């Protein structure tokens, strides 16, 4: 199943590659849903082949069709829908999911198609290609961690649980706050993300502490305006203010002092 997951990851990473000039079937750039989904899916055949040597021609054939843009007329047809479902089912058997991979790559087009097909785009993964990620990540979490604002928006509009936690107790808001993705943070807060959830990891950093530690002042303001608690301490006994001071974020530290004074 690892080969299936790797194959799907490769497919998701490929956007349209321009065919030779004069190709009669060049699709418009915006219509690049997922080429593997609009042609006969090779996943079953790929899975049945026993060796890498046997699998190589299958993958080569699929990549060839992807690059050539062999099936632009079928992107929105019944065949495409069936293929996407099949691909989704196969990837899920590996412990990952097609929605997770699409969210990781910022493929909002595919996320919207999966939503349309009523595929569960909010289900947490059981495993990961990167063992350091741990279990329990949802498509929303990875989209937030990668800063894919449009993908996050599509997921929250579909009803994604903004307060879901992974195996370490971390939320999508924590990731977006950590990396300073203001648009994502604003969207999550607007959909009732809780800024005061404390993770079960070794840090105990709330979204506010993560933002303060990394000097993201606009994100800090957004969190404060949505009820972030400045008094929460992490596993080291430090508040967001203590971290801001320790990291030399003077303006941010002052904002936190002002917020504390208003309490």
Protein backbone atom coordinates (compact mmCIF):
# COMPACT_ATOMS: atom_id res chain seq x y z
CA UNK A 1 0.00 0.00 0.00
CA UNK A 2 2.96 2.32 0.45
CA UNK A 3 3.44 2.26 -3.33
CA UNK A 4 -0.17 3.35 -3.82
CA UNK A 5 0.26 6.21 -1.37
CA UNK A 6 3.50 7.33 -3.00
CA UNK A 7 1.87 7.17 -6.42
CA UNK A 8 -1.03 9.30 -5.26
CA UNK A 9 1.35 11.79 -3.67
CA UNK A 10 3.22 12.10 -6.94
CA UNK A 11 0.00 12.59 -8.89
CA UNK A 12 -1.13 15.35 -6.54
CA UNK A 13 2.17 17.15 -6.86
CA UNK A 14 1.83 17.34 -10.64
CA UNK A 15 -0.12 20.14 -12.17
CA UNK A 16 -0.57 20.38 -15.89
CA UNK A 17 2.66 20.08 -17.86
CA UNK A 18 2.42 21.74 -21.26
CA UNK A 19 2.35 19.25 -24.15
CA UNK A 20 4.20 19.94 -27.40
CA UNK A 21 2.94 22.91 -29.38
CA UNK A 22 0.05 22.15 -31.64
CA UNK A 23 -1.41 19.49 -29.36
CA UNK A 24 -5.11 19.47 -30.16
CA UNK A 25 -6.28 18.64 -26.67
CA UNK A 26 -4.55 21.28 -24.58
CA UNK A 27 -6.82 21.89 -21.56
CA UNK A 28 -7.26 25.33 -20.01
CA UNK A 29 -4.92 25.89 -17.03
CA UNK A 30 -7.83 26.23 -14.60
CA UNK A 31 -9.24 22.84 -15.54
CA UNK A 32 -6.46 20.73 -14.03
CA UNK A 33 -8.49 18.80 -11.47
CA UNK A 34 -6.42 15.64 -11.45
CA UNK A 35 -5.31 13.95 -14.65
CA UNK A 36 -5.07 10.56 -13.04
CA UNK A 37 -8.77 10.77 -12.25
CA UNK A 38 -9.96 11.43 -15.78
CA UNK A 39 -8.37 8.38 -17.38
CA UNK A 40 -8.74 4.67 -16.62
CA UNK A 41 -7.23 4.42 -13.16
CA UNK A 42 -4.21 2.20 -12.99
CA UNK A 43 -4.27 1.67 -9.25
CA UNK A 44 -5.75 -1.85 -9.31
CA UNK A 45 -3.31 -3.02 -11.95
CA UNK A 46 -0.46 -1.32 -10.15
CA UNK A 47 -1.39 -3.07 -6.91
CA UNK A 48 -1.59 -6.47 -8.56
CA UNK A 49 1.87 -6.29 -10.08
CA UNK A 50 4.35 -8.09 -7.88
CA UNK A 51 7.65 -6.39 -8.58
CA UNK A 52 8.92 -2.89 -9.20
CA UNK A 53 9.88 -3.97 -12.73
CA UNK A 54 6.28 -4.98 -13.42
CA UNK A 55 4.91 -1.78 -11.90
CA UNK A 56 7.19 0.54 -13.86
CA UNK A 57 5.29 0.33 -17.21
CA UNK A 58 1.99 0.97 -15.43
CA UNK A 59 3.28 4.15 -13.82
CA UNK A 60 5.02 5.22 -17.03
CA UNK A 61 1.78 4.86 -18.98
CA UNK A 62 -0.15 6.91 -16.46
CA UNK A 63 2.45 9.68 -16.32
CA UNK A 64 2.57 9.75 -20.11
CA UNK A 65 -1.17 10.40 -20.30
CA UNK A 66 -0.99 13.01 -17.57
CA UNK A 67 1.73 14.97 -19.36
CA UNK A 68 0.04 14.67 -22.73
CA UNK A 69 -3.28 15.92 -21.40
CA UNK A 70 -4.91 12.87 -22.90
CA UNK A 71 -8.39 13.25 -21.49
CA UNK A 72 -9.46 16.87 -20.91
CA UNK A 73 -12.97 16.18 -22.16
CA UNK A 74 -13.65 13.78 -19.29
CA UNK A 75 -12.58 15.93 -16.36
CA UNK A 76 -16.15 16.50 -15.18
CA UNK A 77 -17.79 13.35 -16.43
CA UNK A 78 -19.07 10.21 -14.77
CA UNK A 79 -15.84 8.40 -15.59
CA UNK A 80 -13.87 11.07 -13.78
CA UNK A 81 -16.09 10.82 -10.70
CA UNK A 82 -15.77 7.07 -10.61
CA UNK A 83 -12.01 7.27 -10.94
CA UNK A 84 -11.67 9.81 -8.14
CA UNK A 85 -13.72 7.59 -5.83
CA UNK A 86 -11.57 4.58 -6.70
CA UNK A 87 -8.36 6.49 -6.14
CA UNK A 88 -9.70 7.79 -2.82
CA UNK A 89 -10.63 4.28 -1.67
CA UNK A 90 -7.23 2.89 -2.56
CA UNK A 91 -5.26 5.65 -0.85
CA UNK A 92 -7.35 5.33 2.30
CA UNK A 93 -6.34 1.69 2.63
CA UNK A 94 -2.78 2.87 3.17
CA UNK A 95 -3.80 4.84 6.27
CA UNK A 96 -3.66 8.16 4.45
CA UNK A 97 -6.43 9.79 2.46
CA UNK A 98 -6.87 11.59 -0.84
CA UNK A 99 -8.45 14.61 0.92
CA UNK A 100 -5.40 14.82 3.22
CA UNK A 101 -3.00 14.70 0.29
CA UNK A 102 -5.06 17.22 -1.68
CA UNK A 103 -5.14 19.58 1.31
CA UNK A 104 -1.40 19.20 1.83
CA UNK A 105 -0.76 20.18 -1.78
CA UNK A 106 -3.26 23.05 -1.67
CA UNK A 107 -5.42 21.40 -4.32
CA UNK A 108 -8.65 23.23 -3.56
CA UNK A 109 -10.07 22.08 -6.89
CA UNK A 110 -9.80 18.46 -5.83
CA UNK A 111 -11.08 19.17 -2.32
CA UNK A 112 -14.19 20.78 -3.80
CA UNK A 113 -14.67 17.82 -6.13
CA UNK A 114 -14.36 15.38 -3.24
CA UNK A 115 -16.90 17.40 -1.28
CA UNK A 116 -19.23 17.27 -4.27
CA UNK A 117 -18.80 13.49 -4.42
CA UNK A 118 -19.56 13.29 -0.69
CA UNK A 119 -16.17 11.83 0.18
CA UNK A 120 -15.38 12.42 3.85
CA UNK A 121 -12.91 15.32 3.63
CA UNK A 122 -12.70 15.70 7.41
CA UNK A 123 -11.56 12.23 8.40
CA UNK A 124 -8.26 12.01 10.29
CA UNK A 125 -5.49 9.88 8.85
CA UNK A 126 -4.23 6.76 10.60
CA UNK A 127 -0.66 7.00 9.34
CA UNK A 128 1.66 9.31 7.48
CA UNK A 129 4.42 9.22 4.90
CA UNK A 130 6.34 11.29 7.43
CA UNK A 131 6.47 9.38 10.72
CA UNK A 132 7.20 12.57 12.65
CA UNK A 133 3.71 13.87 11.96
CA UNK A 134 2.02 11.29 14.12
CA UNK A 135 -1.55 10.21 13.76
CA UNK A 136 -4.85 12.02 13.81
CA UNK A 137 -4.10 14.81 11.35
CA UNK A 138 -7.13 16.02 9.43
CA UNK A 139 -7.08 17.65 5.98
CA UNK A 140 -7.88 20.95 7.70
CA UNK A 141 -4.83 20.67 9.95
CA UNK A 142 -2.40 20.04 7.11
CA UNK A 143 -3.96 22.78 4.96
CA UNK A 144 -3.60 25.22 7.87
CA UNK A 145 -0.04 24.13 8.58
CA UNK A 146 0.90 24.68 4.93
CA UNK A 147 -0.86 28.05 4.78
CA UNK A 148 -3.30 27.09 2.03
CA UNK A 149 -5.96 29.69 2.84
CA UNK A 150 -8.30 28.84 -0.03
CA UNK A 151 -8.22 25.15 0.84
CA UNK A 152 -8.86 25.92 4.51
CA UNK A 153 -11.83 28.04 3.50
CA UNK A 154 -13.32 25.24 1.38
CA UNK A 155 -12.93 22.77 4.23
CA UNK A 156 -14.43 24.95 6.95
CA UNK A 157 -17.33 25.86 4.68
CA UNK A 158 -17.99 22.14 4.24
CA UNK A 159 -18.27 21.75 8.01
CA UNK A 160 -14.77 20.66 9.00
CA UNK A 161 -14.27 20.49 12.76
CA UNK A 162 -12.05 23.50 13.48
CA UNK A 163 -11.33 22.26 17.01
CA UNK A 164 -10.35 18.70 16.13
CA UNK A 165 -7.06 17.61 17.69
CA UNK A 166 -4.41 15.22 16.45
CA UNK A 167 -2.63 12.59 18.53
CA UNK A 168 -0.63 15.32 20.28
CA UNK A 169 -3.68 17.44 21.00
CA UNK A 170 -2.78 20.09 18.46
CA UNK A 171 -5.34 21.97 16.38
CA UNK A 172 -5.39 23.61 12.97
CA UNK A 173 -5.36 27.01 14.69
CA UNK A 174 -2.17 26.15 16.57
CA UNK A 175 -0.36 25.34 13.32
CA UNK A 176 -1.56 28.46 11.51
CA UNK A 177 -0.64 30.61 14.51
CA UNK A 178 2.78 29.02 14.83
CA UNK A 179 3.65 29.86 11.24
CA UNK A 180 1.97 33.26 11.14
CA UNK A 181 -0.68 32.54 8.50
CA UNK A 182 -2.99 35.43 9.34
CA UNK A 183 -5.64 34.74 6.69
CA UNK A 184 -5.95 31.14 7.87
CA UNK A 185 -6.06 32.17 11.54
CA UNK A 186 -8.77 34.74 10.81
CA UNK A 187 -10.85 32.22 8.89
CA UNK A 188 -10.58 29.59 11.62
CA UNK A 189 -11.44 32.06 14.36
CA UNK A 190 -14.39 33.24 12.30
CA UNK A 191 -15.64 29.66 12.35
CA UNK A 192 -15.39 29.39 16.15
CA UNK A 193 -11.93 27.91 16.53
CA UNK A 194 -11.03 27.84 20.22
CA UNK A 195 -7.76 29.73 20.87
CA UNK A 196 -7.43 28.35 24.40
CA UNK A 197 -7.08 24.64 23.74
CA UNK A 198 -3.93 23.33 25.41
CA UNK A 199 -2.19 20.49 23.54
CA UNK A 200 -1.09 17.24 25.17
CA UNK A 201 2.40 17.50 23.68
CA UNK A 202 5.69 18.32 25.39
CA UNK A 203 5.28 22.10 24.96
CA UNK A 204 1.76 22.88 26.09
CA UNK A 205 1.74 25.83 23.71
CA UNK A 206 -1.65 27.32 22.95
CA UNK A 207 -2.16 29.16 19.67
CA UNK A 208 -1.36 32.42 21.45
CA UNK A 209 1.88 31.16 22.97
CA UNK A 210 2.97 29.77 19.60
CA UNK A 211 2.27 33.10 17.87
CA UNK A 212 3.98 35.11 20.61
CA UNK A 213 7.05 32.88 20.64
CA UNK A 214 7.52 33.39 16.91
CA UNK A 215 6.78 37.11 16.88
CA UNK A 216 3.59 37.09 14.82
CA UNK A 217 2.00 40.27 16.13
CA UNK A 218 -0.97 40.45 13.74
CA UNK A 219 -1.86 36.86 14.52
CA UNK A 220 -1.49 37.65 18.22
CA UNK A 221 -3.93 40.55 17.90
CA UNK A 222 -6.42 38.36 16.07
CA UNK A 223 -6.22 35.74 18.81
CA UNK A 224 -6.59 38.33 21.58
CA UNK A 225 -9.63 39.81 19.84
CA UNK A 226 -11.22 36.36 19.88
CA UNK A 227 -10.72 35.67 23.56
CA UNK A 228 -7.26 34.14 23.76
CA UNK A 229 -6.29 33.78 27.44
CA UNK A 230 -2.97 35.52 28.18
CA UNK A 231 -2.69 33.83 31.59
CA UNK A 232 -2.31 30.26 30.30
CA UNK A 233 1.13 28.79 31.02
CA UNK A 234 2.95 26.13 29.04
CA UNK A 235 4.84 23.08 30.31
CA UNK A 236 7.74 25.32 31.30
CA UNK A 237 5.48 27.60 33.27
CA UNK A 238 5.79 30.41 30.71
CA UNK A 239 2.97 32.58 29.39
CA UNK A 240 2.78 34.12 25.92
CA UNK A 241 4.14 37.36 27.41
CA UNK A 242 7.09 35.57 28.97
CA UNK A 243 7.98 34.03 25.64
CA UNK A 244 7.58 37.31 23.75
CA UNK A 245 9.96 38.97 26.21
CA UNK A 246 12.43 36.10 26.09
CA UNK A 247 12.47 36.20 22.28
CA UNK A 248 12.89 39.96 22.15
CA UNK A 249 9.54 40.71 20.52
CA UNK A 250 9.09 44.08 22.23
CA UNK A 251 6.04 45.38 20.36
CA UNK A 252 4.25 42.08 20.74
CA UNK A 253 5.13 41.91 24.42
CA UNK A 254 3.63 45.34 24.93
CA UNK A 255 0.44 44.28 23.20
CA UNK A 256 0.17 41.37 25.59
CA UNK A 257 0.80 43.64 28.59
CA UNK A 258 -1.91 46.00 27.40
CA UNK A 259 -4.30 43.09 26.99
CA UNK A 260 -3.48 41.85 30.50
CA UNK A 261 -4.06 45.32 31.93
CA UNK A 262 -7.56 45.39 30.45
CA UNK A 263 -8.57 42.21 32.24
